[in-house]
Amino acid sequence: MPADGSWAYAENQKSATTSTYAALYELTFGVKLSAHMDENIADWADQSPQNLDKAQVFYQLAQFENSIEALDKAFRFSVIRNPVERAASSFHFICFTQKKSLRQFYADRVRMNVLGFDWDNDPYTQTGFSKFLHYVEQEAAMVRTAGRLADPHFRPQAMNMSLELLDPHLVFRVDDLAEGLDTLAHNLGRPALAQETSQARLNAQPERQTYTSEMALIERVYADDFEIYESASLQLRKDWTIPNRAL
């Protein structure tokens, strides 16, 4: 959320978060994000919007003095991705971190290794994808026993969005990102975004064809996500008027 509490975004990793944060930055401050960041990691572009928390220009709900009131006054929204595409994209991402020997997801890679994932042979393979999905399923279930949340890049999108708490005005699909961000700008009373900002910037996604043989497993692990995806639209879920911003 921004300091004025005008919007509340339920971040949903691997669902156009980079493009969404870039758009929210422009909508909030009236300028495009031009402060660049590059940690020299090949194939990992657009790192700047993913690090805005370090600049403390946006805030977590818990940082507001009255978080319940702040959430109630905000325009609440989230973005959901086709569960099949997101599952494959998440798998490719963790394989990428192994390839580059990155710190990110190292603990997940170790736990996957314990469960039989062979990091020398399984990355980017059908067998590896199946093992990854079983790992995600187990991690999501362990919330009830170990108290450890599965990583938001992998776990079901329903867990990231927490729709019962968010009670959103708008949930739209990554497929409709440009139109969804325009709808967001309109309802916040802000000027329309620059075309390059509202344009979705996802990496090329061959995954839908690559892993369709795992559809039964994907549908089981991400069952709630399919329901949310089917119901998502560009129509507001409830009436909205811009309230008094004094928090």
C-alpha atoms as a PDB file:
ATOM      1  CA  MET A   1       0.000   0.000   0.000  1.00  0.00           C
ATOM      2  CA  PRO A   2       1.113   3.622  -0.530  1.00  0.00           C
ATOM      3  CA  ALA A   3       1.328   6.084   2.355  1.00  0.00           C
ATOM      4  CA  ASP A   4      -2.034   7.626   1.441  1.00  0.00           C
ATOM      5  CA  GLY A   5      -3.725   4.215   1.608  1.00  0.00           C
ATOM      6  CA  SER A   6      -5.430   4.697  -1.738  1.00  0.00           C
ATOM      7  CA  TRP A   7      -4.939   1.118  -2.893  1.00  0.00           C
ATOM      8  CA  ALA A   8      -4.123  -2.297  -1.450  1.00  0.00           C
ATOM      9  CA  TYR A   9      -2.511  -4.868  -3.722  1.00  0.00           C
ATOM     10  CA  ALA A  10      -2.481  -8.517  -2.703  1.00  0.00           C
ATOM     11  CA  GLU A  11       0.864  -9.444  -4.232  1.00  0.00           C
ATOM     12  CA  ASN A  12       0.733 -12.714  -6.104  1.00  0.00           C
ATOM     13  CA  GLN A  13       4.200 -13.816  -7.151  1.00  0.00           C
ATOM     14  CA  LYS A  14       4.774 -15.119 -10.689  1.00  0.00           C
ATOM     15  CA  SER A  15       1.660 -13.258 -11.841  1.00  0.00           C
ATOM     16  CA  ALA A  16       2.991 -10.086 -13.477  1.00  0.00           C
ATOM     17  CA  THR A  17       4.119  -8.550 -10.178  1.00  0.00           C
ATOM     18  CA  THR A  18       6.945  -6.657 -11.875  1.00  0.00           C
ATOM     19  CA  SER A  19       4.625  -4.971 -14.369  1.00  0.00           C
ATOM     20  CA  THR A  20       2.007  -4.356 -11.695  1.00  0.00           C
ATOM     21  CA  TYR A  21       4.459  -2.675  -9.329  1.00  0.00           C
ATOM     22  CA  ALA A  22       5.831  -0.514 -12.143  1.00  0.00           C
ATOM     23  CA  ALA A  23       2.274   0.585 -12.925  1.00  0.00           C
ATOM     24  CA  LEU A  24       1.446   1.232  -9.262  1.00  0.00           C
ATOM     25  CA  TYR A  25       4.575   3.349  -8.940  1.00  0.00           C
ATOM     26  CA  GLU A  26       3.488   5.498 -11.885  1.00  0.00           C
ATOM     27  CA  LEU A  27      -0.107   5.737 -10.659  1.00  0.00           C
ATOM     28  CA  THR A  28       0.997   6.730  -7.168  1.00  0.00           C
ATOM     29  CA  PHE A  29       3.784   9.198  -7.894  1.00  0.00           C
ATOM     30  CA  GLY A  30       2.925  10.426 -11.384  1.00  0.00           C
ATOM     31  CA  VAL A  31       6.300   9.473 -12.858  1.00  0.00           C
ATOM     32  CA  LYS A  32       7.679   6.347 -14.486  1.00  0.00           C
ATOM     33  CA  LEU A  33      10.167   4.308 -12.501  1.00  0.00           C
ATOM     34  CA  SER A  34      13.511   5.278 -14.030  1.00  0.00           C
ATOM     35  CA  ALA A  35      15.851   4.271 -11.189  1.00  0.00           C
ATOM     36  CA  HIS A  36      17.421   1.108 -12.556  1.00  0.00           C
ATOM     37  CA  MET A  37      18.832  -1.903 -10.805  1.00  0.00           C
ATOM     38  CA  ASP A  38      20.856  -4.695 -12.380  1.00  0.00           C
ATOM     39  CA  GLU A  39      22.653  -7.322 -10.331  1.00  0.00           C
ATOM     40  CA  ASN A  40      24.241  -8.769 -13.483  1.00  0.00           C
ATOM     41  CA  ILE A  41      22.056 -11.855 -13.436  1.00  0.00           C
ATOM     42  CA  ALA A  42      21.526 -12.870 -17.038  1.00  0.00           C
ATOM     43  CA  ASP A  43      17.921 -13.499 -18.134  1.00  0.00           C
ATOM     44  CA  TRP A  44      16.489 -11.852 -14.991  1.00  0.00           C
ATOM     45  CA  ALA A  45      15.265  -8.498 -16.226  1.00  0.00           C
ATOM     46  CA  ASP A  46      13.151  -5.748 -14.624  1.00  0.00           C
ATOM     47  CA  GLN A  47      14.637  -6.073 -11.150  1.00  0.00           C
ATOM     48  CA  SER A  48      13.876  -2.470 -10.141  1.00  0.00           C
ATOM     49  CA  PRO A  49      10.117  -2.797  -9.441  1.00  0.00           C
ATOM     50  CA  GLN A  50      10.724  -5.947  -7.392  1.00  0.00           C
ATOM     51  CA  ASN A  51      12.910  -3.983  -4.977  1.00  0.00           C
ATOM     52  CA  LEU A  52      10.671  -1.007  -4.211  1.00  0.00           C
ATOM     53  CA  ASP A  53      10.167  -2.259  -0.667  1.00  0.00           C
ATOM     54  CA  LYS A  54      13.797  -1.428   0.040  1.00  0.00           C
ATOM     55  CA  ALA A  55      13.087   2.191  -0.900  1.00  0.00           C
ATOM     56  CA  GLN A  56      10.135   2.265   1.534  1.00  0.00           C
ATOM     57  CA  VAL A  57       7.820   3.923  -0.956  1.00  0.00           C
ATOM     58  CA  PHE A  58       5.168   1.232  -0.436  1.00  0.00           C
ATOM     59  CA  TYR A  59       4.180  -0.354   2.867  1.00  0.00           C
ATOM     60  CA  GLN A  60       2.825  -3.577   4.302  1.00  0.00           C
ATOM     61  CA  LEU A  61      -0.646  -3.427   5.799  1.00  0.00           C
ATOM     62  CA  ALA A  62       0.743  -4.141   9.268  1.00  0.00           C
ATOM     63  CA  GLN A  63       2.786  -0.917   9.123  1.00  0.00           C
ATOM     64  CA  PHE A  64      -0.359   1.217   9.275  1.00  0.00           C
ATOM     65  CA  GLU A  65      -1.458   2.325  12.726  1.00  0.00           C
ATOM     66  CA  ASN A  66      -4.996   1.104  12.120  1.00  0.00           C
ATOM     67  CA  SER A  67      -4.567  -1.642   9.556  1.00  0.00           C
ATOM     68  CA  ILE A  68      -8.245  -2.663   9.502  1.00  0.00           C
ATOM     69  CA  GLU A  69      -9.381   0.886   8.762  1.00  0.00           C
ATOM     70  CA  ALA A  70      -6.619   1.344   6.198  1.00  0.00           C
ATOM     71  CA  LEU A  71      -7.652  -1.787   4.324  1.00  0.00           C
ATOM     72  CA  ASP A  72     -11.322  -0.811   4.478  1.00  0.00           C
ATOM     73  CA  LYS A  73     -10.636   2.575   2.838  1.00  0.00           C
ATOM     74  CA  ALA A  74      -8.345   1.236   0.104  1.00  0.00           C
ATOM     75  CA  PHE A  75      -9.226   0.113  -3.406  1.00  0.00           C
ATOM     76  CA  ARG A  76      -8.377  -3.553  -3.009  1.00  0.00           C
ATOM     77  CA  PHE A  77      -7.276  -5.701  -5.915  1.00  0.00           C
ATOM     78  CA  SER A  78      -5.156  -8.594  -7.068  1.00  0.00           C
ATOM     79  CA  VAL A  79      -4.042 -10.274 -10.289  1.00  0.00           C
ATOM     80  CA  ILE A  80      -4.265 -13.978 -11.080  1.00  0.00           C
ATOM     81  CA  ARG A  81      -2.433 -16.001 -13.712  1.00  0.00           C
ATOM     82  CA  ASN A  82      -3.477 -19.097 -15.612  1.00  0.00           C
ATOM     83  CA  PRO A  83      -2.549 -21.810 -13.077  1.00  0.00           C
ATOM     84  CA  VAL A  84      -0.984 -24.043 -15.729  1.00  0.00           C
ATOM     85  CA  GLU A  85       1.309 -21.306 -16.994  1.00  0.00           C
ATOM     86  CA  ARG A  86       2.210 -20.142 -13.516  1.00  0.00           C
ATOM     87  CA  ALA A  87       3.086 -23.644 -12.310  1.00  0.00           C
ATOM     88  CA  ALA A  88       5.481 -24.133 -15.200  1.00  0.00           C
ATOM     89  CA  SER A  89       6.912 -20.630 -14.827  1.00  0.00           C
ATOM     90  CA  SER A  90       7.532 -21.244 -11.118  1.00  0.00           C
ATOM     91  CA  PHE A  91       9.307 -24.500 -11.942  1.00  0.00           C
ATOM     92  CA  HIS A  92      11.477 -22.783 -14.529  1.00  0.00           C
ATOM     93  CA  PHE A  93      12.317 -20.052 -12.012  1.00  0.00           C
ATOM     94  CA  ILE A  94      13.597 -22.418  -9.346  1.00  0.00           C
ATOM     95  CA  CYS A  95      15.559 -24.314 -12.014  1.00  0.00           C
ATOM     96  CA  PHE A  96      17.054 -20.975 -13.077  1.00  0.00           C
ATOM     97  CA  THR A  97      18.229 -20.242  -9.539  1.00  0.00           C
ATOM     98  CA  GLN A  98      19.940 -23.647  -9.450  1.00  0.00           C
ATOM     99  CA  LYS A  99      21.594 -22.989 -12.809  1.00  0.00           C
ATOM    100  CA  LYS A 100      22.978 -19.664 -11.526  1.00  0.00           C
ATOM    101  CA  SER A 101      23.765 -21.023  -8.040  1.00  0.00           C
ATOM    102  CA  LEU A 102      21.727 -18.224  -6.474  1.00  0.00           C
ATOM    103  CA  ARG A 103      20.893 -17.954  -2.796  1.00  0.00           C
ATOM    104  CA  GLN A 104      17.197 -17.545  -3.619  1.00  0.00           C
ATOM    105  CA  PHE A 105      15.200 -20.750  -3.073  1.00  0.00           C
ATOM    106  CA  TYR A 106      18.277 -22.603  -1.808  1.00  0.00           C
ATOM    107  CA  ALA A 107      16.341 -23.964   1.160  1.00  0.00           C
ATOM    108  CA  ASP A 108      13.579 -25.149  -1.193  1.00  0.00           C
ATOM    109  CA  ARG A 109      16.118 -26.819  -3.438  1.00  0.00           C
ATOM    110  CA  VAL A 110      17.628 -28.646  -0.483  1.00  0.00           C
ATOM    111  CA  ARG A 111      14.209 -29.856   0.707  1.00  0.00           C
ATOM    112  CA  MET A 112      13.326 -30.930  -2.844  1.00  0.00           C
ATOM    113  CA  ASN A 113      16.626 -32.827  -2.964  1.00  0.00           C
ATOM    114  CA  VAL A 114      15.675 -34.665   0.232  1.00  0.00           C
ATOM    115  CA  LEU A 115      12.421 -35.734  -1.450  1.00  0.00           C
ATOM    116  CA  GLY A 116      14.231 -37.163  -4.468  1.00  0.00           C
ATOM    117  CA  PHE A 117      14.687 -34.219  -6.838  1.00  0.00           C
ATOM    118  CA  ASP A 118      18.032 -34.727  -8.613  1.00  0.00           C
ATOM    119  CA  TRP A 119      19.416 -31.256  -9.327  1.00  0.00           C
ATOM    120  CA  ASP A 120      21.957 -32.709 -11.738  1.00  0.00           C
ATOM    121  CA  ASN A 121      19.342 -34.311 -13.999  1.00  0.00           C
ATOM    122  CA  ASP A 122      15.778 -33.178 -13.197  1.00  0.00           C
ATOM    123  CA  PRO A 123      15.729 -29.395 -13.951  1.00  0.00           C
ATOM    124  CA  TYR A 124      13.602 -28.357 -16.935  1.00  0.00           C
ATOM    125  CA  THR A 125      12.344 -31.915 -17.464  1.00  0.00           C
ATOM    126  CA  GLN A 126       8.903 -33.520 -17.356  1.00  0.00           C
ATOM    127  CA  THR A 127      10.033 -35.760 -14.503  1.00  0.00           C
ATOM    128  CA  GLY A 128      11.397 -32.786 -12.617  1.00  0.00           C
ATOM    129  CA  PHE A 129       8.159 -30.842 -13.081  1.00  0.00           C
ATOM    130  CA  SER A 130       6.152 -33.701 -11.611  1.00  0.00           C
ATOM    131  CA  LYS A 131       8.490 -33.879  -8.600  1.00  0.00           C
ATOM    132  CA  PHE A 132       8.233 -30.104  -8.190  1.00  0.00           C
ATOM    133  CA  LEU A 133       4.428 -30.241  -8.089  1.00  0.00           C
ATOM    134  CA  HIS A 134       4.500 -32.964  -5.447  1.00  0.00           C
ATOM    135  CA  TYR A 135       6.885 -30.799  -3.431  1.00  0.00           C
ATOM    136  CA  VAL A 136       4.564 -27.781  -3.682  1.00  0.00           C
ATOM    137  CA  GLU A 137       1.631 -29.927  -2.604  1.00  0.00           C
ATOM    138  CA  GLN A 138       3.527 -31.180   0.429  1.00  0.00           C
ATOM    139  CA  GLU A 139       4.774 -27.711   1.379  1.00  0.00           C
ATOM    140  CA  ALA A 140       1.279 -26.244   1.184  1.00  0.00           C
ATOM    141  CA  ALA A 141      -0.032 -29.027   3.417  1.00  0.00           C
ATOM    142  CA  MET A 142       2.753 -28.525   5.962  1.00  0.00           C
ATOM    143  CA  VAL A 143       1.322 -25.128   6.914  1.00  0.00           C
ATOM    144  CA  ARG A 144      -0.967 -27.053   9.243  1.00  0.00           C
ATOM    145  CA  THR A 145       1.830 -29.057  10.864  1.00  0.00           C
ATOM    146  CA  ALA A 146       5.160 -27.228  10.643  1.00  0.00           C
ATOM    147  CA  GLY A 147       3.757 -23.693  10.576  1.00  0.00           C
ATOM    148  CA  ARG A 148       6.005 -22.857   7.620  1.00  0.00           C
ATOM    149  CA  LEU A 149       4.361 -21.195   4.652  1.00  0.00           C
ATOM    150  CA  ALA A 150       5.309 -22.498   1.227  1.00  0.00           C
ATOM    151  CA  ASP A 151       7.195 -19.931  -0.858  1.00  0.00           C
ATOM    152  CA  PRO A 152       4.799 -17.438  -2.523  1.00  0.00           C
ATOM    153  CA  HIS A 153       6.432 -18.060  -5.916  1.00  0.00           C
ATOM    154  CA  PHE A 154       5.258 -21.694  -5.822  1.00  0.00           C
ATOM    155  CA  ARG A 155       2.316 -22.057  -3.466  1.00  0.00           C
ATOM    156  CA  PRO A 156      -1.286 -21.785  -4.696  1.00  0.00           C
ATOM    157  CA  GLN A 157      -2.236 -18.276  -5.701  1.00  0.00           C
ATOM    158  CA  ALA A 158      -5.226 -18.474  -3.371  1.00  0.00           C
ATOM    159  CA  MET A 159      -2.794 -18.512  -0.441  1.00  0.00           C
ATOM    160  CA  ASN A 160      -1.092 -15.347  -1.731  1.00  0.00           C
ATOM    161  CA  MET A 161      -4.278 -13.434  -2.451  1.00  0.00           C
ATOM    162  CA  SER A 162      -6.138 -14.250   0.794  1.00  0.00           C
ATOM    163  CA  LEU A 163      -9.417 -13.139  -0.750  1.00  0.00           C
ATOM    164  CA  GLU A 164     -11.353 -13.658   2.467  1.00  0.00           C
ATOM    165  CA  LEU A 165      -9.207 -10.992   4.139  1.00  0.00           C
ATOM    166  CA  LEU A 166      -8.735  -8.767   1.105  1.00  0.00           C
ATOM    167  CA  ASP A 167     -12.422  -8.698   0.129  1.00  0.00           C
ATOM    168  CA  PRO A 168     -11.321  -7.245  -3.229  1.00  0.00           C
ATOM    169  CA  HIS A 169     -13.047  -4.740  -5.449  1.00  0.00           C
ATOM    170  CA  LEU A 170     -11.235  -6.163  -8.462  1.00  0.00           C
ATOM    171  CA  VAL A 171      -9.474  -9.390  -9.429  1.00  0.00           C
ATOM    172  CA  PHE A 172      -8.352  -9.613 -13.035  1.00  0.00           C
ATOM    173  CA  ARG A 173      -6.265 -12.000 -15.089  1.00  0.00           C
ATOM    174  CA  VAL A 174      -2.693 -11.524 -16.242  1.00  0.00           C
ATOM    175  CA  ASP A 175      -4.122 -12.047 -19.742  1.00  0.00           C
ATOM    176  CA  ASP A 176      -6.028  -8.764 -19.249  1.00  0.00           C
ATOM    177  CA  LEU A 177      -3.212  -6.886 -17.510  1.00  0.00           C
ATOM    178  CA  ALA A 178      -3.274  -3.721 -19.646  1.00  0.00           C
ATOM    179  CA  GLU A 179      -7.061  -3.378 -19.378  1.00  0.00           C
ATOM    180  CA  GLY A 180      -6.972  -4.251 -15.682  1.00  0.00           C
ATOM    181  CA  LEU A 181      -4.404  -1.568 -14.918  1.00  0.00           C
ATOM    182  CA  ASP A 182      -6.478   0.942 -16.892  1.00  0.00           C
ATOM    183  CA  THR A 183      -9.490  -0.034 -14.758  1.00  0.00           C
ATOM    184  CA  LEU A 184      -7.371   0.481 -11.654  1.00  0.00           C
ATOM    185  CA  ALA A 185      -6.255   3.946 -12.812  1.00  0.00           C
ATOM    186  CA  HIS A 186      -9.841   4.948 -13.572  1.00  0.00           C
ATOM    187  CA  ASN A 187     -11.144   3.874 -10.170  1.00  0.00           C
ATOM    188  CA  LEU A 188      -8.327   5.679  -8.376  1.00  0.00           C
ATOM    189  CA  GLY A 189      -9.041   8.853 -10.338  1.00  0.00           C
ATOM    190  CA  ARG A 190      -5.543   8.833 -11.839  1.00  0.00           C
ATOM    191  CA  PRO A 191      -4.457   9.578 -15.420  1.00  0.00           C
ATOM    192  CA  ALA A 192      -4.168   6.639 -17.775  1.00  0.00           C
ATOM    193  CA  LEU A 193      -0.847   4.838 -17.723  1.00  0.00           C
ATOM    194  CA  ALA A 194       1.726   5.172 -20.457  1.00  0.00           C
ATOM    195  CA  GLN A 195       1.220   2.356 -22.957  1.00  0.00           C
ATOM    196  CA  GLU A 196       4.597   0.780 -22.249  1.00  0.00           C
ATOM    197  CA  THR A 197       3.800   0.713 -18.531  1.00  0.00           C
ATOM    198  CA  SER A 198       0.423  -0.972 -18.860  1.00  0.00           C
ATOM    199  CA  GLN A 199       1.726  -3.515 -21.345  1.00  0.00           C
ATOM    200  CA  ALA A 200       2.338  -6.914 -19.744  1.00  0.00           C
ATOM    201  CA  ARG A 201       5.988  -7.899 -19.880  1.00  0.00           C
ATOM    202  CA  LEU A 202       6.024 -11.614 -19.276  1.00  0.00           C
ATOM    203  CA  ASN A 203       8.750 -13.825 -20.586  1.00  0.00           C
ATOM    204  CA  ALA A 204       7.834 -15.982 -23.547  1.00  0.00           C
ATOM    205  CA  GLN A 205       5.750 -18.846 -22.185  1.00  0.00           C
ATOM    206  CA  PRO A 206       5.964 -22.198 -23.998  1.00  0.00           C
ATOM    207  CA  GLU A 207       4.953 -23.959 -20.769  1.00  0.00           C
ATOM    208  CA  ARG A 208       1.280 -24.467 -21.558  1.00  0.00           C
ATOM    209  CA  GLN A 209       2.171 -26.942 -24.300  1.00  0.00           C
ATOM    210  CA  THR A 210       5.232 -28.336 -22.521  1.00  0.00           C
ATOM    211  CA  TYR A 211       3.587 -29.736 -19.403  1.00  0.00           C
ATOM    212  CA  THR A 212      -0.037 -30.454 -20.256  1.00  0.00           C
ATOM    213  CA  SER A 213       0.530 -34.145 -19.481  1.00  0.00           C
ATOM    214  CA  GLU A 214       0.628 -33.128 -15.812  1.00  0.00           C
ATOM    215  CA  MET A 215      -2.803 -31.484 -15.926  1.00  0.00           C
ATOM    216  CA  ALA A 216      -4.403 -33.834 -13.389  1.00  0.00           C
ATOM    217  CA  LEU A 217      -1.677 -33.093 -10.854  1.00  0.00           C
ATOM    218  CA  ILE A 218      -1.767 -29.348 -11.576  1.00  0.00           C
ATOM    219  CA  GLU A 219      -5.542 -29.285 -11.121  1.00  0.00           C
ATOM    220  CA  ARG A 220      -5.203 -31.083  -7.784  1.00  0.00           C
ATOM    221  CA  VAL A 221      -2.419 -28.905  -6.380  1.00  0.00           C
ATOM    222  CA  TYR A 222      -3.913 -25.620  -7.614  1.00  0.00           C
ATOM    223  CA  ALA A 223      -7.625 -26.454  -7.432  1.00  0.00           C
ATOM    224  CA  ASP A 224      -8.635 -23.181  -5.745  1.00  0.00           C
ATOM    225  CA  ASP A 225      -6.644 -21.162  -8.268  1.00  0.00           C
ATOM    226  CA  PHE A 226      -8.657 -22.532 -11.184  1.00  0.00           C
ATOM    227  CA  GLU A 227     -11.876 -21.383  -9.500  1.00  0.00           C
ATOM    228  CA  ILE A 228     -10.520 -17.877  -8.907  1.00  0.00           C
ATOM    229  CA  TYR A 229      -9.145 -17.682 -12.450  1.00  0.00           C
ATOM    230  CA  GLU A 230     -12.500 -18.630 -13.946  1.00  0.00           C
ATOM    231  CA  SER A 231     -14.351 -15.989 -11.907  1.00  0.00           C
ATOM    232  CA  ALA A 232     -11.824 -13.175 -12.471  1.00  0.00           C
ATOM    233  CA  SER A 233     -12.938 -10.305 -14.707  1.00  0.00           C
ATOM    234  CA  LEU A 234     -12.525  -6.595 -15.405  1.00  0.00           C
ATOM    235  CA  GLN A 235     -15.824  -5.862 -13.662  1.00  0.00           C
ATOM    236  CA  LEU A 236     -15.777  -4.489 -10.124  1.00  0.00           C
ATOM    237  CA  ARG A 237     -16.996  -6.977  -7.553  1.00  0.00           C
ATOM    238  CA  LYS A 238     -18.566  -4.247  -5.418  1.00  0.00           C
ATOM    239  CA  ASP A 239     -19.367  -0.538  -5.535  1.00  0.00           C
ATOM    240  CA  TRP A 240     -16.448   1.818  -5.046  1.00  0.00           C
ATOM    241  CA  THR A 241     -16.116   5.522  -4.276  1.00  0.00           C
ATOM    242  CA  ILE A 242     -12.890   7.284  -3.427  1.00  0.00           C
ATOM    243  CA  PRO A 243     -13.071   7.804   0.366  1.00  0.00           C
ATOM    244  CA  ASN A 244     -11.490  10.319   2.720  1.00  0.00           C
ATOM    245  CA  ARG A 245      -7.790   9.418   2.817  1.00  0.00           C
ATOM    246  CA  ALA A 246      -7.145  10.525   6.397  1.00  0.00           C
ATOM    247  CA  LEU A 247      -5.928   7.363   8.115  1.00  0.00           C
END
